[in-house]
Amino acid sequence: MNRSEEDRAIAEAVERLIKAFPGLSPATVERAVAESRPEFEGNPIRDFVPLFVERSARHRLRTLTTAG
């Protein structure tokens, strides 16, 4: 997977997460994804990075919706 394919897959993940968390702003979802992505920058095999980023962001967003 090249960088543009990875970027596209992560953009699709953002759209899925926005739909999955309608109570949160799109900016909050985008921030969770942006904060999750660096965790996987060193991975030499990039094919699964979008999946890992989406899972990490989903966890962050769940924490936000259950906090408080």
C-alpha atoms as a PDB file:
ATOM      1  CA  MET A   1       0.000   0.000   0.000  1.00  0.00           C
ATOM      2  CA  ASN A   2       1.488   3.331  -0.983  1.00  0.00           C
ATOM      3  CA  ARG A   3       1.000   6.547   0.970  1.00  0.00           C
ATOM      4  CA  SER A   4      -1.862   7.855  -1.170  1.00  0.00           C
ATOM      5  CA  GLU A   5      -3.769   4.571  -0.800  1.00  0.00           C
ATOM      6  CA  GLU A   6      -3.153   4.673   2.937  1.00  0.00           C
ATOM      7  CA  ASP A   7      -4.373   8.285   3.123  1.00  0.00           C
ATOM      8  CA  ARG A   8      -7.508   7.350   1.175  1.00  0.00           C
ATOM      9  CA  ALA A   9      -8.197   4.357   3.446  1.00  0.00           C
ATOM     10  CA  ILE A  10      -7.777   6.527   6.530  1.00  0.00           C
ATOM     11  CA  ALA A  11     -10.104   9.171   5.068  1.00  0.00           C
ATOM     12  CA  GLU A  12     -12.694   6.426   4.575  1.00  0.00           C
ATOM     13  CA  ALA A  13     -12.168   5.372   8.200  1.00  0.00           C
ATOM     14  CA  VAL A  14     -12.827   8.955   9.290  1.00  0.00           C
ATOM     15  CA  GLU A  15     -16.138   8.892   7.414  1.00  0.00           C
ATOM     16  CA  ARG A  16     -17.119   5.594   9.057  1.00  0.00           C
ATOM     17  CA  LEU A  17     -16.235   6.923  12.487  1.00  0.00           C
ATOM     18  CA  ILE A  18     -18.190  10.138  11.937  1.00  0.00           C
ATOM     19  CA  LYS A  19     -21.249   7.987  11.183  1.00  0.00           C
ATOM     20  CA  ALA A  20     -20.549   5.684  14.141  1.00  0.00           C
ATOM     21  CA  PHE A  21     -20.255   8.606  16.587  1.00  0.00           C
ATOM     22  CA  PRO A  22     -22.950  11.078  15.529  1.00  0.00           C
ATOM     23  CA  GLY A  23     -22.867  12.773  18.939  1.00  0.00           C
ATOM     24  CA  LEU A  24     -19.300  13.932  18.374  1.00  0.00           C
ATOM     25  CA  SER A  25     -18.226  16.631  15.983  1.00  0.00           C
ATOM     26  CA  PRO A  26     -16.384  15.649  12.821  1.00  0.00           C
ATOM     27  CA  ALA A  27     -13.440  17.702  14.095  1.00  0.00           C
ATOM     28  CA  THR A  28     -13.273  15.550  17.226  1.00  0.00           C
ATOM     29  CA  VAL A  29     -13.286  12.397  15.114  1.00  0.00           C
ATOM     30  CA  GLU A  30     -10.600  13.777  12.815  1.00  0.00           C
ATOM     31  CA  ARG A  31      -8.475  14.725  15.829  1.00  0.00           C
ATOM     32  CA  ALA A  32      -8.776  11.211  17.287  1.00  0.00           C
ATOM     33  CA  VAL A  33      -7.610   9.749  13.974  1.00  0.00           C
ATOM     34  CA  ALA A  34      -4.765  12.265  13.717  1.00  0.00           C
ATOM     35  CA  GLU A  35      -3.660  11.409  17.259  1.00  0.00           C
ATOM     36  CA  SER A  36      -3.819   7.681  16.525  1.00  0.00           C
ATOM     37  CA  ARG A  37      -1.880   7.680  13.281  1.00  0.00           C
ATOM     38  CA  PRO A  38       1.616   8.402  14.665  1.00  0.00           C
ATOM     39  CA  GLU A  39       1.410   5.251  16.808  1.00  0.00           C
ATOM     40  CA  PHE A  40       1.849   3.215  13.637  1.00  0.00           C
ATOM     41  CA  GLU A  41       4.314   5.324  11.642  1.00  0.00           C
ATOM     42  CA  GLY A  42       7.214   2.935  12.225  1.00  0.00           C
ATOM     43  CA  ASN A  43       5.410  -0.150  10.943  1.00  0.00           C
ATOM     44  CA  PRO A  44       7.204  -1.468   7.859  1.00  0.00           C
ATOM     45  CA  ILE A  45       4.108  -3.255   6.534  1.00  0.00           C
ATOM     46  CA  ARG A  46       1.603  -0.525   5.774  1.00  0.00           C
ATOM     47  CA  ASP A  47      -1.354  -2.596   4.556  1.00  0.00           C
ATOM     48  CA  PHE A  48      -2.986  -2.826   7.974  1.00  0.00           C
ATOM     49  CA  VAL A  49      -2.115   0.643   9.270  1.00  0.00           C
ATOM     50  CA  PRO A  50      -5.518   2.157   8.318  1.00  0.00           C
ATOM     51  CA  LEU A  51      -7.271  -0.628  10.225  1.00  0.00           C
ATOM     52  CA  PHE A  52      -5.050  -0.120  13.277  1.00  0.00           C
ATOM     53  CA  VAL A  53      -5.543   3.645  13.150  1.00  0.00           C
ATOM     54  CA  GLU A  54      -9.319   3.217  12.915  1.00  0.00           C
ATOM     55  CA  ARG A  55      -9.376   0.831  15.875  1.00  0.00           C
ATOM     56  CA  SER A  56      -7.233   3.128  17.980  1.00  0.00           C
ATOM     57  CA  ALA A  57      -9.351   6.154  17.111  1.00  0.00           C
ATOM     58  CA  ARG A  58     -12.549   4.206  17.819  1.00  0.00           C
ATOM     59  CA  HIS A  59     -11.200   3.367  21.281  1.00  0.00           C
ATOM     60  CA  ARG A  60     -10.360   7.039  21.906  1.00  0.00           C
ATOM     61  CA  LEU A  61     -13.833   8.101  20.785  1.00  0.00           C
ATOM     62  CA  ARG A  62     -15.572   5.505  22.939  1.00  0.00           C
ATOM     63  CA  THR A  63     -13.631   6.846  25.895  1.00  0.00           C
ATOM     64  CA  LEU A  64     -14.934  10.327  25.115  1.00  0.00           C
ATOM     65  CA  THR A  65     -18.534   9.181  24.850  1.00  0.00           C
ATOM     66  CA  THR A  66     -18.444   7.191  28.093  1.00  0.00           C
ATOM     67  CA  ALA A  67     -16.488   9.766  30.146  1.00  0.00           C
ATOM     68  CA  GLY A  68     -18.332  12.109  32.388  1.00  0.00           C
END
